[in-house]
Amino acid sequence: MPTNPVHPDTELVTVHEMADRLAMTRKTFARLVREAGIPKVKLGHRTVRYSPEAVIAFVTETFTTP
């Protein structure tokens, strides 16, 4: 059973692509993944991808002040 089930039609991107979409460096995005708990999908031992929709929703909810 997969530990991170995702819908087959869900777009998944690399850390570099996600950092580009958020207009930040890969290093900054990786730090946010570690420290803020940005959602990720593990596809293998070292392979990780991100759902742009889930990441943008998380960042908006977590870092936007009311």
N, C-alpha and C. Protein backbone atom coordinates (compact mmCIF):
# COMPACT_ATOMS: atom_id res chain seq x y z
N MET A 1 0.85 -1.19 0.00
CA MET A 1 0.00 0.00 0.00
C MET A 1 0.89 1.24 0.00
N PRO A 2 0.64 2.23 -0.88
CA PRO A 2 1.46 3.43 -0.92
C PRO A 2 1.27 4.27 0.34
N THR A 3 2.36 4.91 0.76
CA THR A 3 2.28 5.75 1.95
C THR A 3 1.72 7.13 1.62
N ASN A 4 1.84 7.56 0.38
CA ASN A 4 1.36 8.87 -0.05
C ASN A 4 0.48 8.72 -1.28
N PRO A 5 -0.72 8.19 -1.13
CA PRO A 5 -1.55 8.00 -2.33
C PRO A 5 -1.96 9.34 -2.93
N VAL A 6 -1.87 9.44 -4.24
CA VAL A 6 -2.31 10.64 -4.96
C VAL A 6 -3.16 10.19 -6.13
N HIS A 7 -4.02 11.05 -6.55
CA HIS A 7 -4.86 10.77 -7.71
C HIS A 7 -3.95 10.67 -8.93
N PRO A 8 -4.20 9.73 -9.82
CA PRO A 8 -3.33 9.56 -10.99
C PRO A 8 -3.23 10.80 -11.88
N ASP A 9 -4.23 11.66 -11.85
CA ASP A 9 -4.21 12.87 -12.69
C ASP A 9 -3.55 14.06 -12.01
N THR A 10 -3.07 13.88 -10.79
CA THR A 10 -2.44 14.98 -10.06
C THR A 10 -1.09 15.31 -10.68
N GLU A 11 -0.89 16.60 -10.95
CA GLU A 11 0.40 17.04 -11.48
C GLU A 11 1.43 17.00 -10.35
N LEU A 12 2.57 16.41 -10.60
CA LEU A 12 3.65 16.37 -9.63
C LEU A 12 4.90 16.97 -10.27
N VAL A 13 5.60 17.81 -9.52
CA VAL A 13 6.78 18.49 -10.05
C VAL A 13 7.97 18.30 -9.11
N THR A 14 9.15 18.58 -9.62
CA THR A 14 10.38 18.45 -8.83
C THR A 14 10.56 19.66 -7.92
N VAL A 15 11.55 19.55 -7.03
CA VAL A 15 11.86 20.66 -6.14
C VAL A 15 12.26 21.90 -6.94
N HIS A 16 13.00 21.71 -8.02
CA HIS A 16 13.42 22.85 -8.84
C HIS A 16 12.23 23.54 -9.50
N GLU A 17 11.33 22.75 -10.05
CA GLU A 17 10.14 23.32 -10.69
C GLU A 17 9.25 24.04 -9.68
N MET A 18 9.10 23.46 -8.49
CA MET A 18 8.25 24.08 -7.47
C MET A 18 8.87 25.38 -6.98
N ALA A 19 10.17 25.39 -6.77
CA ALA A 19 10.85 26.62 -6.34
C ALA A 19 10.69 27.71 -7.39
N ASP A 20 10.80 27.35 -8.66
CA ASP A 20 10.62 28.33 -9.74
C ASP A 20 9.21 28.91 -9.71
N ARG A 21 8.21 28.06 -9.50
CA ARG A 21 6.82 28.54 -9.47
C ARG A 21 6.57 29.48 -8.31
N LEU A 22 7.30 29.27 -7.20
CA LEU A 22 7.12 30.13 -6.03
C LEU A 22 8.10 31.31 -6.02
N ALA A 23 8.91 31.42 -7.07
CA ALA A 23 9.89 32.49 -7.22
C ALA A 23 10.85 32.55 -6.04
N MET A 24 11.41 31.38 -5.70
CA MET A 24 12.41 31.32 -4.64
C MET A 24 13.49 30.33 -5.06
N THR A 25 14.59 30.35 -4.35
CA THR A 25 15.66 29.41 -4.68
C THR A 25 15.28 28.01 -4.25
N ARG A 26 15.94 27.03 -4.84
CA ARG A 26 15.72 25.64 -4.46
C ARG A 26 16.09 25.43 -3.00
N LYS A 27 17.15 26.08 -2.56
CA LYS A 27 17.60 25.95 -1.18
C LYS A 27 16.55 26.50 -0.20
N THR A 28 15.95 27.63 -0.53
CA THR A 28 14.90 28.20 0.33
C THR A 28 13.68 27.29 0.37
N PHE A 29 13.29 26.77 -0.78
CA PHE A 29 12.15 25.87 -0.82
C PHE A 29 12.43 24.60 0.00
N ALA A 30 13.62 24.04 -0.13
CA ALA A 30 13.99 22.84 0.63
C ALA A 30 13.95 23.12 2.13
N ARG A 31 14.37 24.32 2.54
CA ARG A 31 14.31 24.69 3.96
C ARG A 31 12.87 24.75 4.43
N LEU A 32 11.98 25.31 3.62
CA LEU A 32 10.56 25.37 3.99
C LEU A 32 9.96 23.97 4.09
N VAL A 33 10.38 23.07 3.22
CA VAL A 33 9.89 21.69 3.30
C VAL A 33 10.29 21.09 4.64
N ARG A 34 11.54 21.27 5.04
CA ARG A 34 12.03 20.74 6.31
C ARG A 34 11.38 21.40 7.51
N GLU A 35 11.35 22.73 7.52
CA GLU A 35 10.95 23.47 8.71
C GLU A 35 9.45 23.71 8.83
N ALA A 36 8.77 23.92 7.72
CA ALA A 36 7.34 24.25 7.77
C ALA A 36 6.45 23.05 7.46
N GLY A 37 7.04 22.00 6.96
CA GLY A 37 6.24 20.80 6.67
C GLY A 37 5.44 20.86 5.39
N ILE A 38 5.98 21.52 4.38
CA ILE A 38 5.30 21.57 3.09
C ILE A 38 5.02 20.14 2.63
N PRO A 39 3.80 19.85 2.15
CA PRO A 39 3.46 18.49 1.76
C PRO A 39 4.27 18.00 0.56
N LYS A 40 4.67 16.74 0.63
CA LYS A 40 5.45 16.14 -0.46
C LYS A 40 4.97 14.72 -0.68
N VAL A 41 5.32 14.18 -1.84
CA VAL A 41 4.96 12.81 -2.20
C VAL A 41 6.26 12.05 -2.45
N LYS A 42 6.51 11.02 -1.66
CA LYS A 42 7.70 10.19 -1.85
C LYS A 42 7.35 9.10 -2.86
N LEU A 43 8.13 9.05 -3.93
CA LEU A 43 7.90 8.06 -4.98
C LEU A 43 8.89 6.91 -4.90
N GLY A 44 9.89 7.05 -4.09
CA GLY A 44 10.91 6.03 -3.94
C GLY A 44 11.81 6.40 -2.79
N HIS A 45 12.95 5.73 -2.70
CA HIS A 45 13.88 5.98 -1.60
C HIS A 45 14.35 7.43 -1.57
N ARG A 46 14.72 7.97 -2.73
CA ARG A 46 15.22 9.35 -2.78
C ARG A 46 14.41 10.25 -3.69
N THR A 47 13.35 9.75 -4.27
CA THR A 47 12.56 10.51 -5.23
C THR A 47 11.36 11.16 -4.55
N VAL A 48 11.33 12.49 -4.59
CA VAL A 48 10.25 13.25 -3.97
C VAL A 48 9.68 14.20 -5.01
N ARG A 49 8.36 14.34 -5.03
CA ARG A 49 7.69 15.28 -5.93
C ARG A 49 6.69 16.08 -5.11
N TYR A 50 6.23 17.17 -5.70
CA TYR A 50 5.31 18.08 -5.03
C TYR A 50 4.12 18.36 -5.92
N SER A 51 2.94 18.44 -5.31
CA SER A 51 1.74 18.84 -6.03
C SER A 51 1.66 20.36 -5.94
N PRO A 52 1.79 21.08 -7.06
CA PRO A 52 1.74 22.54 -7.00
C PRO A 52 0.48 23.06 -6.31
N GLU A 53 -0.65 22.43 -6.58
CA GLU A 53 -1.91 22.86 -5.98
C GLU A 53 -1.85 22.74 -4.45
N ALA A 54 -1.34 21.62 -3.95
CA ALA A 54 -1.25 21.40 -2.50
C ALA A 54 -0.23 22.33 -1.86
N VAL A 55 0.90 22.54 -2.52
CA VAL A 55 1.94 23.41 -1.96
C VAL A 55 1.47 24.85 -1.90
N ILE A 56 0.87 25.33 -2.97
CA ILE A 56 0.39 26.73 -2.98
C ILE A 56 -0.70 26.93 -1.94
N ALA A 57 -1.60 25.97 -1.80
CA ALA A 57 -2.63 26.07 -0.76
C ALA A 57 -2.00 26.09 0.63
N PHE A 58 -1.01 25.24 0.87
CA PHE A 58 -0.33 25.19 2.16
C PHE A 58 0.38 26.50 2.46
N VAL A 59 1.13 27.01 1.49
CA VAL A 59 1.88 28.26 1.68
C VAL A 59 0.92 29.41 1.91
N THR A 60 -0.15 29.48 1.15
CA THR A 60 -1.14 30.55 1.32
C THR A 60 -1.77 30.50 2.70
N GLU A 61 -2.16 29.31 3.13
CA GLU A 61 -2.81 29.15 4.44
C GLU A 61 -1.83 29.41 5.59
N THR A 62 -0.60 28.97 5.45
CA THR A 62 0.36 29.05 6.54
C THR A 62 1.01 30.43 6.67
N PHE A 63 1.29 31.07 5.56
CA PHE A 63 2.08 32.30 5.61
C PHE A 63 1.31 33.58 5.28
N THR A 64 0.02 33.50 5.05
CA THR A 64 -0.78 34.68 4.77
C THR A 64 -1.43 35.16 6.08
N THR A 65 -1.25 36.44 6.37
CA THR A 65 -1.87 36.99 7.57
C THR A 65 -3.29 37.45 7.25
N PRO A 66 -4.21 37.25 8.18
CA PRO A 66 -5.61 37.64 7.92
C PRO A 66 -5.81 39.14 7.85
